[in-house]
Amino acid sequence: MVASILIALIAALHVYILVLEMYLWNTPRGRRAFNLTPEFAEQTRTLAANQGLYNGFLAAGLVVGLALGADGFVFKLFFLACIAIAGIFGAVTSSRRILFVQTVPAVVALVALWAGV
């Protein structure tokens, strides 16, 4: 039950990131979230939309895993691992904050999933 709640929250987080990257990138809220200048946000909006789509796929994979219940264990494991690894890469290449926003929650959910809680 705990793992499912954590996974649902992580899926919701990635839907939120999708919205930020695909639809709010050029807005004050989107620029503030990613610490962007208006000029840089405009220049990178297509790239951000692409990133947002990938975050949507991560969320969708977690939702499928949840919908499958116990049979979705491998889905949940795979997509949580993808999120954790992407978070590590993002922390190294972009912002250390990504480690705490993305990787730590994914690892906590992975531990809960493996522990069966």
Protein backbone atom coordinates (compact mmCIF):
# COMPACT_ATOMS: atom_id res chain seq x y z
CA MET A 1 0.00 0.00 0.00
CA VAL A 2 2.79 2.45 0.88
CA ALA A 3 4.64 1.63 -2.34
CA SER A 4 1.48 2.22 -4.39
CA ILE A 5 0.88 5.60 -2.77
CA LEU A 6 4.50 6.64 -3.37
CA ILE A 7 4.33 5.46 -6.98
CA ALA A 8 1.08 7.35 -7.55
CA LEU A 9 2.67 10.51 -6.14
CA ILE A 10 5.71 10.09 -8.38
CA ALA A 11 3.45 9.57 -11.40
CA ALA A 12 1.58 12.77 -10.48
CA LEU A 13 4.90 14.61 -10.13
CA HIS A 14 5.88 13.56 -13.63
CA VAL A 15 2.53 14.67 -15.02
CA TYR A 16 3.18 18.04 -13.36
CA ILE A 17 6.65 18.15 -14.93
CA LEU A 18 5.04 17.34 -18.29
CA VAL A 19 2.71 20.32 -17.89
CA LEU A 20 5.58 22.61 -16.87
CA GLU A 21 7.78 21.55 -19.77
CA MET A 22 5.17 21.24 -22.50
CA TYR A 23 2.72 24.03 -21.67
CA LEU A 24 4.17 26.40 -19.07
CA TRP A 25 7.80 26.61 -20.18
CA ASN A 26 7.50 30.21 -21.43
CA THR A 27 5.31 31.43 -18.58
CA PRO A 28 6.58 33.07 -15.39
CA ARG A 29 5.73 29.89 -13.48
CA GLY A 30 7.68 27.66 -15.86
CA ARG A 31 10.65 30.00 -16.03
CA ARG A 32 10.71 30.28 -12.23
CA ALA A 33 10.56 26.48 -11.82
CA PHE A 34 13.60 26.00 -14.02
CA ASN A 35 15.36 29.32 -13.32
CA LEU A 36 15.21 30.46 -16.96
CA THR A 37 15.45 33.82 -18.65
CA PRO A 38 12.61 34.64 -21.06
CA GLU A 39 15.07 34.52 -23.98
CA PHE A 40 16.45 31.10 -23.05
CA ALA A 41 12.94 29.72 -22.45
CA GLU A 42 11.89 30.85 -25.92
CA GLN A 43 14.99 29.35 -27.55
CA THR A 44 14.53 25.99 -25.82
CA ARG A 45 10.75 25.55 -25.78
CA THR A 46 10.74 22.78 -28.40
CA LEU A 47 13.41 20.85 -26.50
CA ALA A 48 11.46 21.32 -23.27
CA ALA A 49 8.27 20.02 -24.88
CA ASN A 50 10.19 16.91 -25.94
CA GLN A 51 11.42 16.42 -22.36
CA GLY A 52 7.87 16.89 -21.12
CA LEU A 53 6.61 14.16 -23.41
CA TYR A 54 9.21 11.76 -22.01
CA ASN A 55 8.12 12.63 -18.47
CA GLY A 56 4.58 11.80 -19.54
CA PHE A 57 5.73 8.38 -20.72
CA LEU A 58 7.37 7.76 -17.34
CA ALA A 59 4.13 8.69 -15.57
CA ALA A 60 2.11 6.49 -17.93
CA GLY A 61 4.36 3.51 -17.25
CA LEU A 62 3.88 3.91 -13.51
CA VAL A 63 0.11 4.23 -13.94
CA VAL A 64 0.02 1.04 -16.04
CA GLY A 65 2.04 -0.71 -13.34
CA LEU A 66 -0.41 0.46 -10.68
CA ALA A 67 -3.41 -0.55 -12.79
CA LEU A 68 -2.01 -4.06 -13.17
CA GLY A 69 -1.72 -4.47 -9.40
CA ALA A 70 0.63 -7.28 -8.39
CA ASP A 71 1.10 -8.20 -12.05
CA GLY A 72 2.52 -4.73 -12.65
CA PHE A 73 5.56 -5.23 -10.42
CA VAL A 74 7.99 -5.29 -13.35
CA PHE A 75 6.42 -2.14 -14.87
CA LYS A 76 6.76 -0.30 -11.57
CA LEU A 77 10.31 -1.54 -11.06
CA PHE A 78 11.41 -0.59 -14.58
CA PHE A 79 9.88 2.89 -14.63
CA LEU A 80 11.06 3.76 -11.11
CA ALA A 81 14.58 2.68 -12.08
CA CYS A 82 14.36 4.82 -15.25
CA ILE A 83 13.28 7.82 -13.17
CA ALA A 84 16.07 7.29 -10.63
CA ILE A 85 18.72 6.99 -13.35
CA ALA A 86 17.36 9.99 -15.27
CA GLY A 87 17.45 11.96 -12.02
CA ILE A 88 21.09 11.07 -11.44
CA PHE A 89 21.94 12.12 -14.99
CA GLY A 90 19.99 15.36 -14.57
CA ALA A 91 21.71 16.09 -11.27
CA VAL A 92 25.14 15.63 -12.85
CA THR A 93 24.41 17.54 -16.06
CA SER A 94 21.84 20.16 -15.09
CA SER A 95 20.92 20.79 -11.46
CA ARG A 96 21.71 18.98 -8.23
CA ARG A 97 18.14 19.73 -7.13
CA ILE A 98 16.90 17.04 -9.57
CA LEU A 99 18.53 14.42 -7.37
CA PHE A 100 16.19 15.34 -4.51
CA VAL A 101 13.09 15.99 -6.59
CA GLN A 102 13.34 12.93 -8.81
CA THR A 103 15.93 10.34 -7.74
CA VAL A 104 15.36 10.23 -3.97
CA PRO A 105 11.57 9.70 -4.24
CA ALA A 106 12.08 7.01 -6.91
CA VAL A 107 14.63 5.17 -4.76
CA VAL A 108 12.36 5.37 -1.70
CA ALA A 109 9.49 3.96 -3.78
CA LEU A 110 11.78 1.22 -5.13
CA VAL A 111 12.72 0.21 -1.59
CA ALA A 112 9.05 0.17 -0.56
CA LEU A 113 8.16 -1.85 -3.67
CA TRP A 114 10.89 -4.44 -2.98
CA ALA A 115 9.94 -4.59 0.70
CA GLY A 116 6.33 -5.26 -0.28
CA VAL A 117 4.90 -2.43 1.82
